Amino acid sequence: MNEFFASVGSAVSAAVETTENNPVLNISIFGAFVAVTLFIVIRASRNNKTAADYYAAGRSFTGPQNGFAISGDYLSAASFLGICGAIAINGYDGFLYSIGFLVAWLVALLLVAELMRNTGKFTMADVLSFRLKERPVRMAAAITTLAVCFFYLLAQMAGAGGLVALLLGITESVGQAVVVAVVGVIMIVYVLVGGMKGTTWVQIVKAFLLIGGALIMTIWVLAINGFSLNTLLENAVAASVTEPADAILGPGLQYGGNPWDFISLAIALVLGTAGLPHVLMRFYTVPTAKEARRSVVWAIWLIGLFYLLTLVLGYGAAALVGPERIASAPGGVNSAAPLLALELGGPLLLGFISAVAFATILAVVAGLTITAAASFAHDIYANVVKKGNVPPDGEVKVARRTVIVIGILAILGGIAVQGQNVAFLVALAFAVAASANLPTILYSLFWRKFTTRGAVWSMYGGLAAAIILIVLSPVFWGSETSVFKVGTAIWPLNNPGIVSIPLGFFLGWLGSVTSRGGEDRTKAAEMEVRSLTGFGAEKATNH
């Protein structure tokens, strides 16, 4: 878990150290990307007047466009750098990450995505409060959304700062802090100016870059191996340092000793994705349920293609770079993809792949920021504090101010965790999403007897359980990769999912069956019809 989600910055450090650092080349590539995407954002932001424009891009994107944006939001730098490294070192066990992420996406699409799009307006809390008591449910949903977004945001900011600082040859902590601040300011400008429309275009561009970059490297690796996957695997086995050498083609290298840790992580990843608010929010940017389904098809093809490419890139890194060189690099397993890029195309390809990783972080950060801003402005300010009595432009003004506040907090947090293990932040984001958000979402969509008490108990209980267990785990205490290298972990697993997720479902059930008064059955029936058919959704989402 720790090595998979480790800071993206350390992932490229080995590659930077093995070649002459060329800050001018690197900053030119970064500058070109920022300039192009900023131009796109400014062009896209001309009509950001209403809440629907700012949060949902005026529902103006087609299915294919949204499919690219979904894949851009979903495929993080960890998917690119982390999975390639995991396959290079652990072979079959590393590829389980690709399988897990793809299955997770299918769970999100089949059980949650279209139903939520048909029921809500802008945020997850819209759906959860549709048939329950609005204020307590909105507040709980907004708090869990902000928790997921903030911890995810913190990890991405720290990774972005480390990545850019290393590529520019900045080693002093003050210089790295400046880099984090610059990245944060760019992010704030993107979201402040562009809203969801600008953010969506950044994600589309990033998806092209990421999948295109991975495709180029994949074809290159296959060409070196005579376009034979069998030859590639034989070369990877030949370079292997395991006993026996062909162990990288079978299961057990990484999780043979502690299968419970893998089960807990797998549960959190597979189920957590279906509760990630920044991914679910993408479905509000299309005009109809039909376009939502089209975007689903495009996203599955793009994401599935990408994860197939990681198989070639991972074993390619094992064959061409070698597991010993990867493992001994400062970035550990996460240095596999940059080292492979350096081996294939030298500093120029390294610069391009690093720019792709930076684009990936920027796109994910922008998506998280607008989701968090929408949750605060729409759920807490407009519906809880003002009880729906806000002028047409009032909500967007608050959302823009919230973007600035979130950006400043992310900058300060990113500076604070520089040089530390930020793996627990991403783990916590997935665990909170799976423990607090998903049970309430599924119960709201599929169980008519679900009550407000069940929703509140599930969200707060799942959130508390996930945070407490991670604080007590080896992620925080007692190992070289822990945040605090002293002490002893009380909870033995790196991820709390195996306990906190079932607890979230149990508390939702317990709160509902112990509620004295039932909820509005008429509203429950209306929500079921709307979620399954889309009837009434267009009227609800366009006022």
Protein backbone atom coordinates (compact mmCIF):
# COMPACT_ATOMS: atom_id res chain seq x y z
CA MET A 1 0.00 0.00 0.00
CA ASN A 2 2.68 2.47 1.07
CA GLU A 3 4.92 1.78 -1.90
CA PHE A 4 1.98 1.94 -4.30
CA PHE A 5 0.68 5.33 -3.21
CA ALA A 6 4.02 6.92 -2.24
CA SER A 7 4.66 10.49 -3.25
CA VAL A 8 4.84 10.99 -6.99
CA GLY A 9 7.80 13.28 -6.44
CA SER A 10 10.02 10.45 -5.25
CA ALA A 11 8.92 8.41 -8.25
CA VAL A 12 11.01 10.43 -10.65
CA SER A 13 13.97 11.13 -8.39
CA ALA A 14 15.96 8.10 -9.55
CA ALA A 15 15.49 8.99 -13.20
CA VAL A 16 16.56 12.57 -12.60
CA GLU A 17 19.69 11.45 -10.74
CA THR A 18 20.77 9.00 -13.44
CA THR A 19 20.95 11.62 -16.15
CA GLU A 20 22.11 15.19 -16.43
CA ASN A 21 19.31 17.30 -14.97
CA ASN A 22 18.01 19.67 -17.62
CA PRO A 23 15.81 22.25 -15.84
CA VAL A 24 15.42 24.38 -18.98
CA LEU A 25 14.00 21.45 -21.00
CA ASN A 26 11.74 20.36 -18.13
CA ILE A 27 10.41 23.83 -17.34
CA SER A 28 9.79 24.45 -21.07
CA ILE A 29 7.61 21.31 -21.28
CA PHE A 30 5.75 22.25 -18.10
CA GLY A 31 5.36 25.85 -19.28
CA ALA A 32 3.95 24.76 -22.64
CA PHE A 33 1.41 22.51 -20.97
CA VAL A 34 0.30 25.19 -18.49
CA ALA A 35 0.05 27.83 -21.25
CA VAL A 36 -2.05 25.63 -23.55
CA THR A 37 -4.42 24.44 -20.84
CA LEU A 38 -4.78 27.94 -19.34
CA PHE A 39 -5.77 29.23 -22.79
CA ILE A 40 -8.36 26.43 -23.03
CA VAL A 41 -9.67 27.23 -19.54
CA ILE A 42 -10.09 30.95 -20.34
CA ARG A 43 -11.89 30.16 -23.61
CA ALA A 44 -14.17 27.67 -21.85
CA SER A 45 -15.09 30.02 -19.01
CA ARG A 46 -17.01 32.65 -21.00
CA ASN A 47 -20.46 31.51 -19.89
CA ASN A 48 -19.90 30.69 -16.22
CA LYS A 49 -22.85 32.66 -14.84
CA THR A 50 -25.22 30.24 -13.08
CA ALA A 51 -24.61 27.42 -10.61
CA ALA A 52 -25.31 24.88 -13.36
CA ASP A 53 -22.63 26.55 -15.51
CA TYR A 54 -20.03 26.60 -12.74
CA TYR A 55 -20.67 23.19 -11.13
CA ALA A 56 -21.89 21.16 -14.11
CA ALA A 57 -20.44 23.00 -17.14
CA GLY A 58 -23.97 23.94 -18.20
CA ARG A 59 -24.51 20.20 -18.88
CA SER A 60 -23.01 20.88 -22.30
CA PHE A 61 -20.59 17.98 -22.80
CA THR A 62 -21.28 15.02 -25.07
CA GLY A 63 -20.93 11.42 -23.98
CA PRO A 64 -17.52 10.87 -25.65
CA GLN A 65 -16.15 14.15 -24.26
CA ASN A 66 -17.32 13.26 -20.77
CA GLY A 67 -15.92 9.75 -21.20
CA PHE A 68 -12.45 11.22 -21.80
CA ALA A 69 -12.92 13.59 -18.86
CA ILE A 70 -13.98 10.72 -16.57
CA SER A 71 -10.91 8.72 -17.54
CA GLY A 72 -8.81 11.85 -16.98
CA ASP A 73 -10.32 12.25 -13.52
CA TYR A 74 -10.02 8.56 -12.64
CA LEU A 75 -6.54 7.70 -13.94
CA SER A 76 -4.24 9.27 -11.37
CA ALA A 77 -0.46 9.48 -11.36
CA ALA A 78 -0.51 6.51 -8.99
CA SER A 79 -2.18 4.49 -11.75
CA PHE A 80 0.63 5.33 -14.16
CA LEU A 81 3.71 5.34 -11.93
CA GLY A 82 2.55 3.06 -9.12
CA ILE A 83 1.11 0.19 -11.13
CA CYS A 84 4.05 0.10 -13.57
CA GLY A 85 6.43 -0.17 -10.62
CA ALA A 86 4.31 -2.76 -8.84
CA ILE A 87 4.29 -4.99 -11.95
CA ALA A 88 8.02 -4.47 -12.56
CA ILE A 89 8.88 -5.64 -9.03
CA ASN A 90 6.05 -8.02 -8.12
CA GLY A 91 4.77 -9.16 -11.51
CA TYR A 92 1.40 -10.85 -11.25
CA ASP A 93 0.61 -9.35 -7.82
CA GLY A 94 1.31 -5.87 -9.19
CA PHE A 95 -1.12 -6.39 -12.07
CA LEU A 96 -3.83 -7.08 -9.49
CA TYR A 97 -3.90 -3.31 -8.94
CA SER A 98 -4.92 -2.78 -12.58
CA ILE A 99 -7.61 -5.43 -12.29
CA GLY A 100 -8.84 -3.97 -9.00
CA PHE A 101 -9.12 -0.43 -10.34
CA LEU A 102 -10.95 -1.55 -13.48
CA VAL A 103 -13.41 -3.69 -11.50
CA ALA A 104 -13.88 -0.75 -9.12
CA TRP A 105 -14.92 1.43 -12.03
CA LEU A 106 -17.45 -1.14 -13.19
CA VAL A 107 -18.97 -1.27 -9.70
CA ALA A 108 -19.28 2.52 -9.70
CA LEU A 109 -20.93 2.60 -13.11
CA LEU A 110 -23.31 -0.32 -12.74
CA LEU A 111 -24.57 0.43 -9.21
CA VAL A 112 -24.24 4.17 -8.68
CA ALA A 113 -23.33 6.56 -11.50
CA GLU A 114 -26.40 6.82 -13.75
CA LEU A 115 -28.85 6.44 -10.84
CA MET A 116 -27.19 9.36 -9.02
CA ARG A 117 -27.13 11.48 -12.16
CA ASN A 118 -30.86 10.96 -12.65
CA THR A 119 -31.67 11.84 -9.04
CA GLY A 120 -29.39 14.76 -8.14
CA LYS A 121 -28.46 18.24 -9.29
CA PHE A 122 -24.81 18.94 -8.54
CA THR A 123 -23.47 16.98 -5.57
CA MET A 124 -23.67 13.64 -3.79
CA ALA A 125 -25.63 15.27 -0.96
CA ASP A 126 -28.42 16.17 -3.42
CA VAL A 127 -29.08 12.47 -3.87
CA LEU A 128 -28.74 11.48 -0.22
CA SER A 129 -31.08 14.23 0.99
CA PHE A 130 -33.71 13.66 -1.72
CA ARG A 131 -36.03 11.59 0.49
CA LEU A 132 -34.49 12.11 3.96
CA LYS A 133 -34.39 15.08 6.34
CA GLU A 134 -32.38 17.59 4.41
CA ARG A 135 -30.25 19.51 6.90
CA PRO A 136 -28.62 16.69 8.95
CA VAL A 137 -28.04 14.52 5.87
CA ARG A 138 -26.62 17.37 3.78
CA MET A 139 -24.27 18.37 6.59
CA ALA A 140 -23.00 14.81 7.09
CA ALA A 141 -22.58 14.24 3.33
CA ALA A 142 -20.77 17.54 2.90
CA ILE A 143 -18.38 16.75 5.76
CA THR A 144 -17.48 13.31 4.37
CA THR A 145 -17.08 14.82 0.86
CA LEU A 146 -14.77 17.53 2.17
CA ALA A 147 -12.77 14.92 4.14
CA VAL A 148 -12.26 12.71 1.07
CA CYS A 149 -11.38 15.68 -1.15
CA PHE A 150 -9.02 17.30 1.33
CA PHE A 151 -6.93 14.21 2.07
CA TYR A 152 -6.79 13.27 -1.61
CA LEU A 153 -5.91 16.89 -2.45
CA LEU A 154 -3.12 16.98 0.13
CA ALA A 155 -1.44 13.91 -1.31
CA GLN A 156 -1.68 15.22 -4.88
CA MET A 157 -0.28 18.64 -3.89
CA ALA A 158 2.66 17.06 -2.09
CA GLY A 159 3.33 14.82 -5.09
CA ALA A 160 3.14 17.74 -7.52
CA GLY A 161 5.53 19.81 -5.44
CA GLY A 162 8.03 16.99 -5.17
CA LEU A 163 7.80 16.16 -8.87
CA VAL A 164 8.41 19.69 -10.12
CA ALA A 165 11.08 20.44 -7.50
CA LEU A 166 13.09 17.36 -8.45
CA LEU A 167 12.86 18.00 -12.17
CA LEU A 168 14.01 21.57 -11.71
CA GLY A 169 16.86 20.50 -9.44
CA ILE A 170 15.48 22.19 -6.33
CA THR A 171 16.57 20.42 -3.14
CA GLU A 172 16.12 23.07 -0.41
CA SER A 173 12.91 22.89 1.61
CA VAL A 174 12.22 26.61 1.04
CA GLY A 175 12.49 26.13 -2.72
CA GLN A 176 10.15 23.12 -2.61
CA ALA A 177 7.66 25.14 -0.57
CA VAL A 178 7.72 27.82 -3.28
CA VAL A 179 7.09 25.15 -5.94
CA VAL A 180 4.08 23.79 -3.99
CA ALA A 181 2.73 27.34 -3.70
CA VAL A 182 3.11 27.93 -7.46
CA VAL A 183 1.33 24.65 -8.25
CA GLY A 184 -1.45 25.63 -5.84
CA VAL A 185 -1.86 29.06 -7.44
CA ILE A 186 -2.11 27.51 -10.93
CA MET A 187 -4.78 25.14 -9.63
CA ILE A 188 -6.74 28.01 -8.03
CA VAL A 189 -6.64 30.00 -11.30
CA TYR A 190 -7.86 26.98 -13.31
CA VAL A 191 -10.86 26.34 -11.07
CA LEU A 192 -11.62 29.98 -10.27
CA VAL A 193 -11.70 31.02 -13.92
CA GLY A 194 -12.84 27.84 -15.62
CA GLY A 195 -15.25 26.20 -13.19
CA MET A 196 -16.33 22.70 -14.17
CA LYS A 197 -16.16 23.49 -17.88
CA GLY A 198 -12.51 24.54 -17.73
CA THR A 199 -11.67 21.67 -15.39
CA THR A 200 -13.32 19.20 -17.77
CA TRP A 201 -11.23 20.40 -20.70
CA VAL A 202 -8.06 20.09 -18.62
CA GLN A 203 -9.06 16.50 -17.81
CA ILE A 204 -9.74 15.72 -21.49
CA VAL A 205 -6.32 17.06 -22.52
CA LYS A 206 -4.69 15.14 -19.68
CA ALA A 207 -6.43 11.89 -20.72
CA PHE A 208 -5.07 12.28 -24.28
CA LEU A 209 -1.58 12.95 -22.93
CA LEU A 210 -1.59 10.09 -20.42
CA ILE A 211 -3.04 7.42 -22.70
CA GLY A 212 -0.98 8.72 -25.65
CA GLY A 213 2.24 8.70 -23.65
CA ALA A 214 1.57 5.21 -22.32
CA LEU A 215 0.71 4.00 -25.86
CA ILE A 216 3.95 5.40 -27.32
CA MET A 217 6.05 3.72 -24.62
CA THR A 218 4.11 0.45 -25.01
CA ILE A 219 4.69 0.29 -28.79
CA TRP A 220 8.37 1.14 -28.21
CA VAL A 221 8.78 -1.67 -25.65
CA LEU A 222 6.99 -4.18 -27.89
CA ALA A 223 9.13 -3.14 -30.89
CA ILE A 224 12.30 -3.86 -28.90
CA ASN A 225 10.88 -7.32 -28.12
CA GLY A 226 9.84 -8.08 -31.71
CA PHE A 227 6.18 -7.28 -30.96
CA SER A 228 6.00 -10.54 -29.02
CA LEU A 229 4.49 -10.51 -25.54
CA ASN A 230 6.01 -13.95 -24.95
CA THR A 231 9.51 -12.59 -25.69
CA LEU A 232 8.88 -9.65 -23.35
CA LEU A 233 7.86 -11.98 -20.50
CA GLU A 234 10.90 -14.22 -21.14
CA ASN A 235 13.20 -11.19 -20.95
CA ALA A 236 11.49 -10.05 -17.74
CA VAL A 237 12.02 -13.53 -16.23
CA ALA A 238 15.68 -13.44 -17.36
CA ALA A 239 16.19 -10.13 -15.55
CA SER A 240 14.30 -11.29 -12.44
CA VAL A 241 16.09 -11.58 -9.09
CA THR A 242 13.42 -13.77 -7.48
CA GLU A 243 13.80 -17.44 -6.67
CA PRO A 244 12.62 -19.08 -8.87
CA ALA A 245 12.98 -16.46 -11.60
CA ASP A 246 9.56 -17.13 -13.13
CA ALA A 247 7.82 -16.31 -9.81
CA ILE A 248 6.98 -12.87 -11.24
CA LEU A 249 4.55 -14.59 -13.63
CA GLY A 250 2.52 -16.12 -10.79
CA PRO A 251 0.77 -14.92 -7.62
CA GLY A 252 2.25 -14.54 -4.14
CA LEU A 253 5.32 -12.29 -4.40
CA GLN A 254 3.77 -9.29 -2.66
CA TYR A 255 0.79 -10.63 -0.75
CA GLY A 256 1.74 -14.23 -0.05
CA GLY A 257 2.74 -13.36 3.51
CA ASN A 258 -0.24 -11.21 4.50
CA PRO A 259 -3.29 -11.84 2.34
CA TRP A 260 -5.55 -9.99 4.81
CA ASP A 261 -3.76 -6.74 4.01
CA PHE A 262 -4.47 -7.24 0.32
CA ILE A 263 -8.11 -8.15 0.97
CA SER A 264 -8.58 -5.01 3.08
CA LEU A 265 -6.92 -2.79 0.47
CA ALA A 266 -8.86 -4.43 -2.37
CA ILE A 267 -12.19 -3.89 -0.61
CA ALA A 268 -11.37 -0.22 -0.02
CA LEU A 269 -10.23 0.39 -3.61
CA VAL A 270 -13.06 -1.50 -5.33
CA LEU A 271 -15.83 -0.02 -3.18
CA GLY A 272 -14.22 3.34 -2.45
CA THR A 273 -14.19 4.37 -6.09
CA ALA A 274 -17.99 4.15 -6.21
CA GLY A 275 -18.12 6.69 -3.37
CA LEU A 276 -15.51 9.17 -4.62
CA PRO A 277 -17.45 12.43 -4.97
CA HIS A 278 -15.19 14.01 -7.61
CA VAL A 279 -15.72 11.00 -9.92
CA LEU A 280 -19.49 10.89 -9.36
CA MET A 281 -19.82 14.63 -9.99
CA ARG A 282 -18.66 14.14 -13.59
CA PHE A 283 -22.04 12.65 -14.48
CA TYR A 284 -23.82 15.95 -13.90
CA THR A 285 -22.02 17.55 -16.87
CA VAL A 286 -24.03 15.76 -19.59
CA PRO A 287 -27.52 16.84 -20.70
CA THR A 288 -29.37 13.51 -20.67
CA ALA A 289 -29.30 10.00 -19.22
CA LYS A 290 -28.52 8.69 -22.72
CA GLU A 291 -25.34 10.81 -22.86
CA ALA A 292 -24.45 9.62 -19.36
CA ARG A 293 -24.59 6.01 -20.63
CA ARG A 294 -22.47 6.92 -23.70
CA SER A 295 -19.86 8.51 -21.47
CA VAL A 296 -19.82 5.30 -19.42
CA VAL A 297 -19.04 3.22 -22.51
CA TRP A 298 -16.23 5.55 -23.59
CA ALA A 299 -14.77 5.64 -20.08
CA ILE A 300 -14.72 1.84 -19.78
CA TRP A 301 -12.90 1.44 -23.10
CA LEU A 302 -10.33 4.15 -22.32
CA ILE A 303 -9.66 2.99 -18.76
CA GLY A 304 -9.55 -0.66 -19.78
CA LEU A 305 -7.08 0.14 -22.59
CA PHE A 306 -4.84 2.07 -20.21
CA TYR A 307 -4.68 -0.73 -17.64
CA LEU A 308 -3.77 -3.22 -20.38
CA LEU A 309 -0.89 -0.92 -21.37
CA THR A 310 0.44 -0.97 -17.79
CA LEU A 311 1.03 -4.72 -18.15
CA VAL A 312 3.48 -4.15 -21.03
CA LEU A 313 5.08 -1.12 -19.36
CA GLY A 314 5.55 -2.92 -16.04
CA TYR A 315 7.15 -6.03 -17.50
CA GLY A 316 9.04 -3.79 -19.97
CA ALA A 317 10.60 -1.91 -17.06
CA ALA A 318 11.49 -5.24 -15.43
CA ALA A 319 13.19 -6.45 -18.64
CA LEU A 320 14.92 -3.23 -19.81
CA VAL A 321 15.70 -1.47 -16.53
CA GLY A 322 15.87 -4.37 -14.11
CA PRO A 323 14.16 -4.85 -10.73
CA GLU A 324 17.36 -4.28 -8.74
CA ARG A 325 17.95 -0.85 -10.27
CA ILE A 326 14.29 0.06 -9.76
CA ALA A 327 14.16 -1.18 -6.17
CA SER A 328 17.40 0.55 -5.18
CA ALA A 329 16.39 3.88 -6.73
CA PRO A 330 15.38 6.68 -4.34
CA GLY A 331 11.83 6.52 -5.66
CA GLY A 332 11.58 2.76 -5.14
CA VAL A 333 9.02 0.94 -7.25
CA ASN A 334 7.47 4.21 -8.41
CA SER A 335 10.60 5.08 -10.40
CA ALA A 336 9.97 2.26 -12.92
CA ALA A 337 8.08 4.31 -15.54
CA PRO A 338 10.48 7.32 -15.51
CA LEU A 339 13.49 4.98 -15.65
CA LEU A 340 11.90 3.13 -18.56
CA ALA A 341 11.27 6.46 -20.34
CA LEU A 342 14.90 7.43 -19.78
CA GLU A 343 16.06 4.04 -21.10
CA LEU A 344 13.90 4.35 -24.23
CA GLY A 345 14.12 7.99 -25.23
CA GLY A 346 16.60 9.75 -22.97
CA PRO A 347 15.99 13.09 -21.19
CA LEU A 348 13.43 14.28 -23.78
CA LEU A 349 11.05 11.34 -23.20
CA LEU A 350 11.70 11.61 -19.47
CA GLY A 351 10.64 15.26 -19.62
CA PHE A 352 7.50 14.39 -21.56
CA ILE A 353 6.50 11.56 -19.19
CA SER A 354 7.14 13.81 -16.20
CA ALA A 355 4.95 16.49 -17.81
CA VAL A 356 2.24 13.84 -18.25
CA ALA A 357 2.51 12.97 -14.55
CA PHE A 358 2.25 16.68 -13.72
CA ALA A 359 -0.76 17.06 -16.03
CA THR A 360 -2.33 14.09 -14.30
CA ILE A 361 -1.90 15.64 -10.87
CA LEU A 362 -3.18 19.03 -12.01
CA ALA A 363 -6.32 17.52 -13.57
CA VAL A 364 -7.13 15.45 -10.48
CA VAL A 365 -6.45 18.41 -8.17
CA ALA A 366 -8.76 20.67 -10.20
CA GLY A 367 -11.54 18.07 -10.10
CA LEU A 368 -11.17 17.63 -6.33
CA THR A 369 -11.17 21.37 -5.69
CA ILE A 370 -14.34 22.12 -7.62
CA THR A 371 -16.07 19.16 -5.97
CA ALA A 372 -15.14 20.40 -2.50
CA ALA A 373 -16.18 23.97 -3.37
CA ALA A 374 -19.52 22.77 -4.75
CA SER A 375 -20.13 20.69 -1.64
CA PHE A 376 -19.51 23.61 0.72
CA ALA A 377 -21.31 26.30 -1.29
CA HIS A 378 -24.27 24.20 -2.49
CA ASP A 379 -24.81 21.88 0.48
CA ILE A 380 -23.63 23.74 3.58
CA TYR A 381 -24.06 27.42 2.62
CA ALA A 382 -27.06 27.42 0.28
CA ASN A 383 -29.13 24.57 1.74
CA VAL A 384 -28.16 24.32 5.43
CA VAL A 385 -27.17 27.87 6.42
CA LYS A 386 -29.44 29.84 4.05
CA LYS A 387 -32.11 27.10 3.73
CA GLY A 388 -32.32 27.62 -0.03
CA ASN A 389 -32.80 31.40 0.14
CA VAL A 390 -29.86 32.53 -1.98
CA PRO A 391 -29.77 34.88 -5.01
CA PRO A 392 -28.97 33.29 -8.41
CA ASP A 393 -25.32 34.34 -8.36
CA GLY A 394 -24.82 34.06 -4.58
CA GLU A 395 -23.93 30.39 -4.59
CA VAL A 396 -21.29 30.75 -7.30
CA LYS A 397 -19.68 33.69 -5.46
CA VAL A 398 -19.38 31.57 -2.32
CA ALA A 399 -18.04 28.64 -4.36
CA ARG A 400 -15.31 30.85 -5.85
CA ARG A 401 -14.31 32.12 -2.41
CA THR A 402 -14.27 28.54 -1.19
CA VAL A 403 -11.90 27.59 -4.02
CA ILE A 404 -9.41 30.18 -2.77
CA VAL A 405 -9.69 28.94 0.84
CA ILE A 406 -9.32 25.29 -0.19
CA GLY A 407 -6.37 26.20 -2.42
CA ILE A 408 -4.59 28.00 0.43
CA LEU A 409 -5.22 25.09 2.82
CA ALA A 410 -3.97 22.63 0.20
CA ILE A 411 -0.80 24.70 -0.31
CA LEU A 412 -0.11 24.88 3.44
CA GLY A 413 -0.86 21.17 3.86
CA GLY A 414 1.27 20.23 0.84
CA ILE A 415 4.20 22.20 2.29
CA ALA A 416 3.70 20.58 5.71
CA VAL A 417 3.88 17.00 4.37
CA GLN A 418 6.83 17.54 2.00
CA GLY A 419 9.36 14.77 2.51
CA GLN A 420 6.92 12.64 4.53
CA ASN A 421 5.08 9.52 3.53
CA VAL A 422 1.80 10.79 2.08
CA ALA A 423 0.47 7.33 1.29
CA PHE A 424 -1.92 7.37 4.22
CA LEU A 425 -3.69 10.43 2.79
CA VAL A 426 -4.82 8.61 -0.35
CA ALA A 427 -5.58 5.46 1.65
CA LEU A 428 -7.73 7.53 3.96
CA ALA A 429 -9.58 9.13 1.04
CA PHE A 430 -10.54 5.73 -0.40
CA ALA A 431 -11.35 4.29 3.01
CA VAL A 432 -13.61 7.24 3.93
CA ALA A 433 -15.36 7.08 0.55
CA ALA A 434 -16.04 3.36 0.94
CA SER A 435 -16.92 3.48 4.65
CA ALA A 436 -18.97 6.68 4.89
CA ASN A 437 -20.30 7.52 1.42
CA LEU A 438 -21.01 4.24 -0.33
CA PRO A 439 -23.29 2.56 2.28
CA THR A 440 -25.49 5.67 2.41
CA ILE A 441 -25.58 5.98 -1.39
CA LEU A 442 -26.60 2.34 -1.92
CA TYR A 443 -29.15 2.35 0.90
CA SER A 444 -30.67 5.61 -0.42
CA LEU A 445 -30.97 4.24 -3.95
CA PHE A 446 -32.10 0.68 -3.22
CA TRP A 447 -33.70 0.43 0.28
CA ARG A 448 -37.04 2.13 0.84
CA LYS A 449 -36.87 1.71 4.63
CA PHE A 450 -33.62 3.65 4.95
CA THR A 451 -33.94 6.57 7.39
CA THR A 452 -32.22 9.82 8.28
CA ARG A 453 -30.79 8.29 11.46
CA GLY A 454 -29.31 5.44 9.44
CA ALA A 455 -27.72 7.88 6.99
CA VAL A 456 -26.18 10.06 9.71
CA TRP A 457 -24.93 7.08 11.77
CA SER A 458 -23.44 5.45 8.66
CA MET A 459 -21.62 8.55 7.44
CA TYR A 460 -20.24 9.77 10.76
CA GLY A 461 -19.54 6.23 12.03
CA GLY A 462 -17.76 5.16 8.84
CA LEU A 463 -15.72 8.38 8.80
CA ALA A 464 -14.66 8.02 12.45
CA ALA A 465 -13.81 4.31 12.11
CA ALA A 466 -11.67 4.87 9.00
CA ILE A 467 -9.72 7.75 10.56
CA ILE A 468 -9.17 6.04 13.93
CA LEU A 469 -7.97 2.74 12.42
CA ILE A 470 -5.56 4.49 10.03
CA VAL A 471 -4.11 6.57 12.89
CA LEU A 472 -3.51 3.29 14.79
CA SER A 473 -2.04 1.46 11.76
CA PRO A 474 1.55 0.86 10.48
CA VAL A 475 0.97 3.73 8.07
CA PHE A 476 1.44 6.04 11.07
CA TRP A 477 3.63 4.06 13.49
CA GLY A 478 6.64 1.81 13.80
CA SER A 479 8.25 1.24 10.36
CA GLU A 480 10.67 2.96 7.98
CA THR A 481 7.82 4.03 5.70
CA SER A 482 5.57 5.27 8.53
CA VAL A 483 4.80 8.91 9.20
CA PHE A 484 6.24 8.42 12.70
CA LYS A 485 9.05 5.87 12.69
CA VAL A 486 8.79 5.28 16.46
CA GLY A 487 6.18 3.38 18.44
CA THR A 488 4.15 0.30 17.60
CA ALA A 489 1.03 0.05 15.47
CA ILE A 490 -2.03 -1.21 17.35
CA TRP A 491 -4.00 -2.04 14.16
CA PRO A 492 -1.91 -4.46 12.04
CA LEU A 493 -3.22 -3.64 8.53
CA ASN A 494 -2.36 -0.66 6.35
CA ASN A 495 -5.97 -0.11 5.30
CA PRO A 496 -9.03 -0.11 7.60
CA GLY A 497 -11.49 -1.16 4.86
CA ILE A 498 -12.04 -4.71 6.08
CA VAL A 499 -13.54 -3.32 9.32
CA SER A 500 -14.71 0.23 8.60
CA ILE A 501 -16.70 -0.58 5.43
CA PRO A 502 -18.84 -3.35 6.95
CA LEU A 503 -19.26 -1.11 10.01
CA GLY A 504 -20.60 1.70 7.80
CA PHE A 505 -23.17 -0.66 6.26
CA PHE A 506 -24.09 -2.07 9.71
CA LEU A 507 -24.59 1.38 11.26
CA GLY A 508 -26.80 2.40 8.32
CA TRP A 509 -28.97 -0.66 8.89
CA LEU A 510 -29.00 -0.32 12.69
CA GLY A 511 -29.91 3.37 12.59
CA SER A 512 -32.76 2.66 10.18
CA VAL A 513 -34.33 -0.28 12.04
CA THR A 514 -34.17 1.59 15.37
CA SER A 515 -35.84 4.73 14.00
CA ARG A 516 -39.32 5.23 15.45
CA GLY A 517 -40.93 7.18 12.65
CA GLY A 518 -40.61 6.08 9.06
CA GLU A 519 -39.47 8.41 6.31
CA ASP A 520 -41.63 9.74 3.50
CA ARG A 521 -42.52 6.63 1.46
CA THR A 522 -43.87 8.79 -1.37
CA LYS A 523 -40.49 10.47 -1.76
CA ALA A 524 -38.77 7.07 -1.68
CA ALA A 525 -41.01 5.82 -4.50
CA GLU A 526 -40.43 9.00 -6.50
CA MET A 527 -36.67 8.66 -6.06
CA GLU A 528 -36.76 5.04 -7.22
CA VAL A 529 -38.71 5.92 -10.39
CA ARG A 530 -36.49 8.92 -11.16
CA SER A 531 -33.21 7.09 -10.55
CA LEU A 532 -34.16 4.14 -12.76
CA THR A 533 -35.91 5.98 -15.59
CA GLY A 534 -34.57 9.54 -15.49
CA PHE A 535 -38.17 10.80 -15.49
CA GLY A 536 -38.28 14.25 -13.88
CA ALA A 537 -34.50 14.52 -13.70
CA GLU A 538 -34.12 17.03 -16.53
CA LYS A 539 -36.65 19.38 -14.97
CA ALA A 540 -34.98 19.05 -11.57
CA THR A 541 -31.47 19.58 -12.87
CA ASN A 542 -32.15 22.62 -15.02
CA HIS A 543 -33.89 25.02 -12.67
